[in-house]
Protein backbone atom coordinates (compact mmCIF):
# COMPACT_ATOMS: atom_id res chain seq x y z
CA UNK A 1 17.58 15.60 10.62
CA UNK A 2 18.36 19.07 9.79
CA UNK A 3 20.78 18.92 11.61
CA UNK A 4 23.37 22.02 9.60
CA UNK A 5 20.15 23.72 10.46
CA UNK A 6 20.25 23.62 14.19
CA UNK A 7 24.12 24.12 13.85
CA UNK A 8 24.09 27.34 11.74
CA UNK A 9 20.74 28.96 12.57
CA UNK A 10 19.97 30.35 16.64
CA UNK A 11 16.16 30.15 15.46
CA UNK A 12 16.35 27.24 13.61
CA UNK A 13 17.70 26.08 17.66
CA UNK A 14 14.79 27.44 19.24
CA UNK A 15 12.02 26.27 16.66
CA UNK A 16 13.30 23.11 17.51
CA UNK A 17 13.33 24.13 21.43
CA UNK A 18 9.96 24.80 21.23
CA UNK A 19 8.67 21.64 19.48
CA UNK A 20 10.40 20.13 22.17
CA UNK A 21 8.73 21.15 24.75
CA UNK A 22 5.25 21.50 23.17
CA UNK A 23 5.64 18.01 22.67
CA UNK A 24 7.43 17.01 26.25
CA UNK A 25 9.93 14.39 24.67
CA UNK A 26 13.49 14.70 22.38
CA UNK A 27 12.05 15.83 19.14
CA UNK A 28 16.03 17.61 19.04
CA UNK A 29 17.80 14.66 20.15
CA UNK A 30 16.11 12.34 18.03
CA UNK A 31 16.34 13.58 14.68
CA UNK A 32 20.30 14.33 15.18
CA UNK A 33 21.16 11.04 17.28
CA UNK A 34 18.54 8.64 15.61
CA UNK A 35 17.39 5.50 15.74
CA UNK A 36 16.63 6.21 12.34
CA UNK A 37 13.71 3.70 12.66
CA UNK A 38 12.07 5.49 15.84
CA UNK A 39 12.69 8.85 13.66
CA UNK A 40 10.71 6.80 10.48
CA UNK A 41 7.66 5.87 12.15
CA UNK A 42 4.79 8.56 11.22
CA UNK A 43 3.88 9.62 14.63
CA UNK A 44 7.60 11.25 14.95
CA UNK A 45 8.35 11.84 11.50
CA UNK A 46 4.96 14.18 10.99
CA UNK A 47 6.09 16.70 13.72
CA UNK A 48 9.91 16.22 12.80
CA UNK A 49 9.69 17.44 9.18
CA UNK A 50 6.90 20.39 10.16
CA UNK A 51 9.86 21.28 13.07
CA UNK A 52 12.50 21.57 10.24
CA UNK A 53 10.39 22.87 7.74
CA UNK A 54 8.45 25.60 10.23
CA UNK A 55 12.83 25.99 11.80
CA UNK A 56 14.26 27.15 7.88
CA UNK A 57 10.71 29.58 7.11
CA UNK A 58 11.95 31.30 10.13
CA UNK A 59 15.46 31.58 9.00
CA UNK A 60 14.44 32.36 5.34
CA UNK A 61 12.40 35.55 7.14
CA UNK A 62 14.84 37.33 9.10
CA UNK A 63 15.65 39.67 6.70
CA UNK A 64 12.36 40.30 6.82
CA UNK A 65 10.85 39.27 3.49
CA UNK A 66 7.35 38.19 2.62
CA UNK A 67 6.32 36.02 1.09
CA UNK A 68 3.27 36.50 -1.89
CA UNK A 69 1.40 32.93 -0.72
CA UNK A 70 2.06 29.63 0.48
CA UNK A 71 1.32 26.46 0.21
CA UNK A 72 2.46 22.55 1.27
CA UNK A 73 1.72 19.29 0.05
CA UNK A 74 0.19 16.96 2.39
CA UNK A 75 1.63 17.62 6.31
CA UNK A 76 3.51 20.26 4.59
CA UNK A 77 -0.10 22.77 4.73
CA UNK A 78 0.16 22.18 8.50
CA UNK A 79 3.48 24.38 7.96
CA UNK A 80 2.24 26.72 5.90
CA UNK A 81 -0.74 27.02 8.38
CA UNK A 82 1.81 28.25 11.27
CA UNK A 83 4.41 30.18 8.94
CA UNK A 84 1.37 32.28 7.99
CA UNK A 85 0.01 32.83 11.76
CA UNK A 86 -3.11 30.70 11.79
CA UNK A 87 -2.24 28.40 14.52
CA UNK A 88 0.79 28.30 16.91
CA UNK A 89 3.86 25.89 16.55
CA UNK A 90 3.00 24.28 19.58
CA UNK A 91 -0.74 23.65 18.81
CA UNK A 92 0.71 22.07 15.36
CA UNK A 93 2.99 20.06 16.23
CA UNK A 94 0.80 18.12 18.35
CA UNK A 95 -2.01 17.51 16.16
CA UNK A 96 0.28 16.62 13.47
CA UNK A 97 1.60 13.33 16.28
CA UNK A 98 -1.31 12.71 16.82
CA UNK A 99 -2.88 12.58 13.27
CA UNK A 100 0.34 10.37 12.61
CA UNK A 101 -0.64 7.84 15.26
CA UNK A 102 -3.74 8.05 14.20
CA UNK A 103 -2.60 7.17 10.25
CA UNK A 104 -0.77 4.62 11.68
CA UNK A 105 -3.55 3.21 14.00
CA UNK A 106 -6.64 3.59 11.81
CA UNK A 107 -4.94 0.20 9.09
CA UNK A 108 -3.11 -3.30 10.29
CA UNK A 109 0.53 -3.12 9.24
CA UNK A 110 0.14 -4.33 5.58
CA UNK A 111 -2.65 -4.20 4.88
CA UNK A 112 -2.68 -0.57 2.88
CA UNK A 113 -0.51 0.90 0.33
CA UNK A 114 0.45 3.31 -2.14
CA UNK A 115 1.89 3.31 -5.38
CA UNK A 116 3.48 5.78 -7.99
CA UNK A 117 2.23 5.51 -11.31
CA UNK A 118 4.60 7.75 -14.25
CA UNK A 119 3.58 8.51 -17.85
CA UNK A 120 -0.48 7.99 -17.06
CA UNK A 121 -2.95 11.00 -17.24
CA UNK A 122 -4.99 11.51 -13.84
CA UNK A 123 -8.13 10.48 -15.38
CA UNK A 124 -6.29 7.96 -16.77
CA UNK A 125 -5.30 6.64 -13.43
CA UNK A 126 -8.98 6.95 -11.89
CA UNK A 127 -10.44 4.38 -14.50
CA UNK A 128 -7.42 2.06 -13.69
CA UNK A 129 -8.58 2.18 -10.03
CA UNK A 130 -11.79 1.87 -10.82
CA UNK A 131 -10.90 -1.13 -12.63
CA UNK A 132 -8.06 -2.65 -10.07
CA UNK A 133 -10.28 -1.86 -7.16
CA UNK A 134 -11.86 -5.41 -6.76
CA UNK A 135 -14.31 -4.45 -4.49
CA UNK A 136 -11.25 -2.95 -2.25
CA UNK A 137 -10.53 1.06 -2.03
CA UNK A 138 -8.05 2.38 -4.49
CA UNK A 139 -8.24 5.51 -5.86
CA UNK A 140 -5.80 8.97 -7.20
CA UNK A 141 -3.92 9.77 -3.40
CA UNK A 142 -1.72 12.75 -4.98
CA UNK A 143 -1.94 14.36 -8.32
CA UNK A 144 0.76 15.17 -8.75
CA UNK A 145 1.13 16.85 -12.50
CA UNK A 146 3.54 16.64 -15.39
CA UNK A 147 2.62 12.78 -15.37
CA UNK A 148 2.62 11.45 -12.37
CA UNK A 149 -0.67 10.59 -9.70
CA UNK A 150 0.42 8.36 -6.67
CA UNK A 151 -2.53 6.15 -5.58
CA UNK A 152 -3.50 5.21 -2.45
CA UNK A 153 -5.74 2.04 -0.79
CA UNK A 154 -5.96 -1.78 -0.20
CA UNK A 155 -2.41 -3.42 -0.66
CA UNK A 156 -4.00 -6.25 -2.60
CA UNK A 157 -5.74 -3.08 -5.12
CA UNK A 158 -2.81 -1.67 -5.63
CA UNK A 159 -0.33 -4.50 -6.27
CA UNK A 160 -3.37 -4.56 -8.88
CA UNK A 161 -2.82 -1.64 -10.65
CA UNK A 162 0.94 -1.56 -10.71
CA UNK A 163 0.11 -4.38 -12.87
CA UNK A 164 -2.49 -3.20 -15.03
CA UNK A 165 -0.19 -0.22 -15.44
CA UNK A 166 2.70 -2.22 -17.13
CA UNK A 167 0.88 -3.61 -19.34
CA UNK A 168 -0.09 -0.11 -20.26
CA UNK A 169 3.24 0.55 -20.58
CA UNK A 170 3.35 3.00 -17.36
CA UNK A 171 5.69 3.03 -15.00
CA UNK A 172 4.69 1.96 -11.62
CA UNK A 173 6.25 1.83 -8.51
CA UNK A 174 4.84 0.40 -4.64
CA UNK A 175 6.32 3.54 -2.63
CA UNK A 176 7.96 2.77 1.06
CA UNK A 177 5.52 4.24 3.26
CA UNK A 178 4.15 3.58 6.70
CA UNK A 179 0.03 3.80 5.78
CA UNK A 180 -2.00 4.51 2.35
CA UNK A 181 -2.51 7.99 2.88
CA UNK A 182 -5.50 10.43 1.50
CA UNK A 183 -7.71 7.64 0.91
CA UNK A 184 -10.43 6.53 2.41
CA UNK A 185 -8.94 4.17 4.47
CA UNK A 186 -7.75 7.10 6.83
CA UNK A 187 -11.53 8.37 7.64
CA UNK A 188 -11.33 6.83 11.27
CA UNK A 189 -7.83 8.29 11.58
CA UNK A 190 -9.66 11.61 10.11
CA UNK A 191 -12.61 11.84 12.74
CA UNK A 192 -10.25 11.37 15.69
CA UNK A 193 -7.86 14.36 14.53
CA UNK A 194 -11.44 15.92 14.24
CA UNK A 195 -11.60 15.41 17.72
CA UNK A 196 -8.69 16.67 18.42
CA UNK A 197 -9.01 20.46 16.68
CA UNK A 198 -11.58 20.95 18.53
CA UNK A 199 -9.38 22.42 21.58
CA UNK A 200 -7.30 23.86 19.13
CA UNK A 201 -7.75 27.85 17.86
CA UNK A 202 -6.51 28.59 14.45
CA UNK A 203 -6.20 32.33 13.18
CA UNK A 204 -7.01 33.64 9.85
CA UNK A 205 -3.58 34.01 7.91
CA UNK A 206 -1.54 36.76 8.25
CA UNK A 207 -0.77 35.91 3.68
CA UNK A 208 -2.68 33.70 1.38
CA UNK A 209 -2.44 29.79 1.61
CA UNK A 210 -3.57 27.94 -1.36
CA UNK A 211 -5.05 24.95 0.21
CA UNK A 212 -4.79 21.60 -1.34
CA UNK A 213 -7.93 20.03 -0.64
CA UNK A 214 -9.63 22.30 -2.53
CA UNK A 215 -6.74 24.20 -4.96
CA UNK A 216 -7.79 27.52 -3.67
CA UNK A 217 -6.79 30.00 -0.84
CA UNK A 218 -8.28 29.62 2.50
CA UNK A 219 -10.86 32.11 2.82
CA UNK A 220 -10.68 32.46 6.92
CA UNK A 221 -9.30 30.38 10.50
CA UNK A 222 -13.37 29.52 10.23
CA UNK A 223 -12.83 26.94 7.80
CA UNK A 224 -8.70 26.06 8.28
CA UNK A 225 -9.66 22.93 10.79
CA UNK A 226 -12.84 21.19 8.71
CA UNK A 227 -10.19 21.54 5.90
CA UNK A 228 -7.20 20.04 7.26
CA UNK A 229 -9.41 16.71 8.28
CA UNK A 230 -10.95 16.28 4.95
CA UNK A 231 -7.31 16.71 3.59
CA UNK A 232 -6.18 12.93 5.59
CA UNK A 233 -8.97 11.31 2.91
CA UNK A 234 -8.98 13.56 0.36
CA UNK A 235 -6.24 13.74 -2.81
CA UNK A 236 -4.28 15.88 -2.66
CA UNK A 237 -4.70 18.61 -6.13
CA UNK A 238 -0.63 19.46 -6.09
CA UNK A 239 -0.71 20.48 -9.94
CA UNK A 240 -3.49 22.50 -9.46
CA UNK A 241 -2.22 24.01 -6.47
CA UNK A 242 0.92 25.60 -8.01
CA UNK A 243 -0.87 26.70 -10.90
CA UNK A 244 -2.91 28.51 -8.03
CA UNK A 245 -0.01 29.93 -6.58
CA UNK A 246 1.36 31.27 -9.95
CA UNK A 247 -1.74 33.05 -10.82
CA UNK A 248 -1.49 34.83 -7.28
CA UNK A 249 1.76 36.60 -8.56
CA UNK A 250 4.27 34.00 -7.36
CA UNK A 251 7.92 33.68 -9.61
CA UNK A 252 9.97 32.34 -7.28
CA UNK A 253 8.88 29.24 -4.97
CA UNK A 254 11.18 28.01 -2.04
CA UNK A 255 10.86 24.12 -1.16
CA UNK A 256 11.39 24.32 2.92
CA UNK A 257 11.36 21.24 3.89
CA UNK A 258 13.51 18.41 3.36
CA UNK A 259 14.07 16.79 0.23
CA UNK A 260 13.50 18.23 -3.21
CA UNK A 261 10.69 16.22 -4.47
CA UNK A 262 8.22 19.54 -4.95
CA UNK A 263 10.66 21.45 -6.92
CA UNK A 264 11.44 18.93 -9.37
CA UNK A 265 7.74 18.94 -9.79
CA UNK A 266 7.00 22.21 -9.74
CA UNK A 267 9.51 22.11 -12.78
CA UNK A 268 7.72 20.23 -14.74
CA UNK A 269 3.72 21.27 -13.86
CA UNK A 270 4.61 25.13 -14.10
CA UNK A 271 8.21 25.90 -15.40
CA UNK A 272 7.42 29.76 -15.30
CA UNK A 273 7.91 29.51 -11.51
CA UNK A 274 11.58 29.36 -10.44
CA UNK A 275 11.58 26.67 -8.45
CA UNK A 276 14.22 26.15 -5.28
CA UNK A 277 14.87 23.07 -2.77
CA UNK A 278 15.71 25.63 0.30
CA UNK A 279 15.82 23.35 3.25
CA UNK A 280 19.40 23.33 4.15
CA UNK A 281 22.18 25.50 4.18
CA UNK A 282 23.18 24.98 0.92
CA UNK A 283 19.75 25.66 -0.29
CA UNK A 284 18.83 28.84 2.01
CA UNK A 285 22.23 30.21 0.90
CA UNK A 286 20.81 29.81 -3.06
CA UNK A 287 17.39 31.43 -2.01
CA UNK A 288 18.79 34.75 -0.40
CA UNK A 289 21.02 35.28 -3.60
CA UNK A 290 17.79 34.82 -5.36
CA UNK A 291 15.50 37.20 -3.56
CA UNK A 292 18.54 40.20 -3.64
CA UNK A 293 18.64 39.03 -7.41
């Protein structure tokens, strides 16, 4: 992860070194050398993805561009907060490592699951969740838009909704995740994160950040800890979030994290906003060309 960024841009390398120092571990070495099965553990993956996203943003910011607004999908909201100066990178990587550890411990392995439901609207998926729950936890977790909703809860309930979705001629697929994020099963993780954040200092963001918890701009530093705690169990209202970005005047959206999933979702939900996956050196070149134009 992020090898091309670290090799090509000194500011990216310094960003990873900053994260290493804060964590007291060799995150950079883990990202570059693995082993991959250790990097995939959510307590390592979360600070790694956060650091890569912030490194990409800092590379893009070197020429001095200023975004209209920012947002992040789940963990990505932490990256937006760092980029907007609302929390320091050192505090953020330590906090998301704790967030990842708490999430992993909240539900025993195999007890929880997530699945993507394609081809049904969010209201229909909510009805299916109620039908399939059968006394277990099962809720819409990611409201991604364009007919894509991710559900989370007890594994047996997820299996039931996958079967029900198939009966309704919708596509459904269990996801390879380590825990059932953004549902009530994460309540113990939310409680632990709240205690951790009592020791963290937040600042007013230097530019608008649309929180996916409420799909609105964050009002100020005082509400950030509560939003981050609520985010652990609340659904990601992503379609509403990107529409809020468009309403704020965004015409180009840069995806600074690894991959291009959000760019694809944007294309289907808000086609008037051009999305660019800018999480590697090629993407950064495309983003700079687009911004220059």
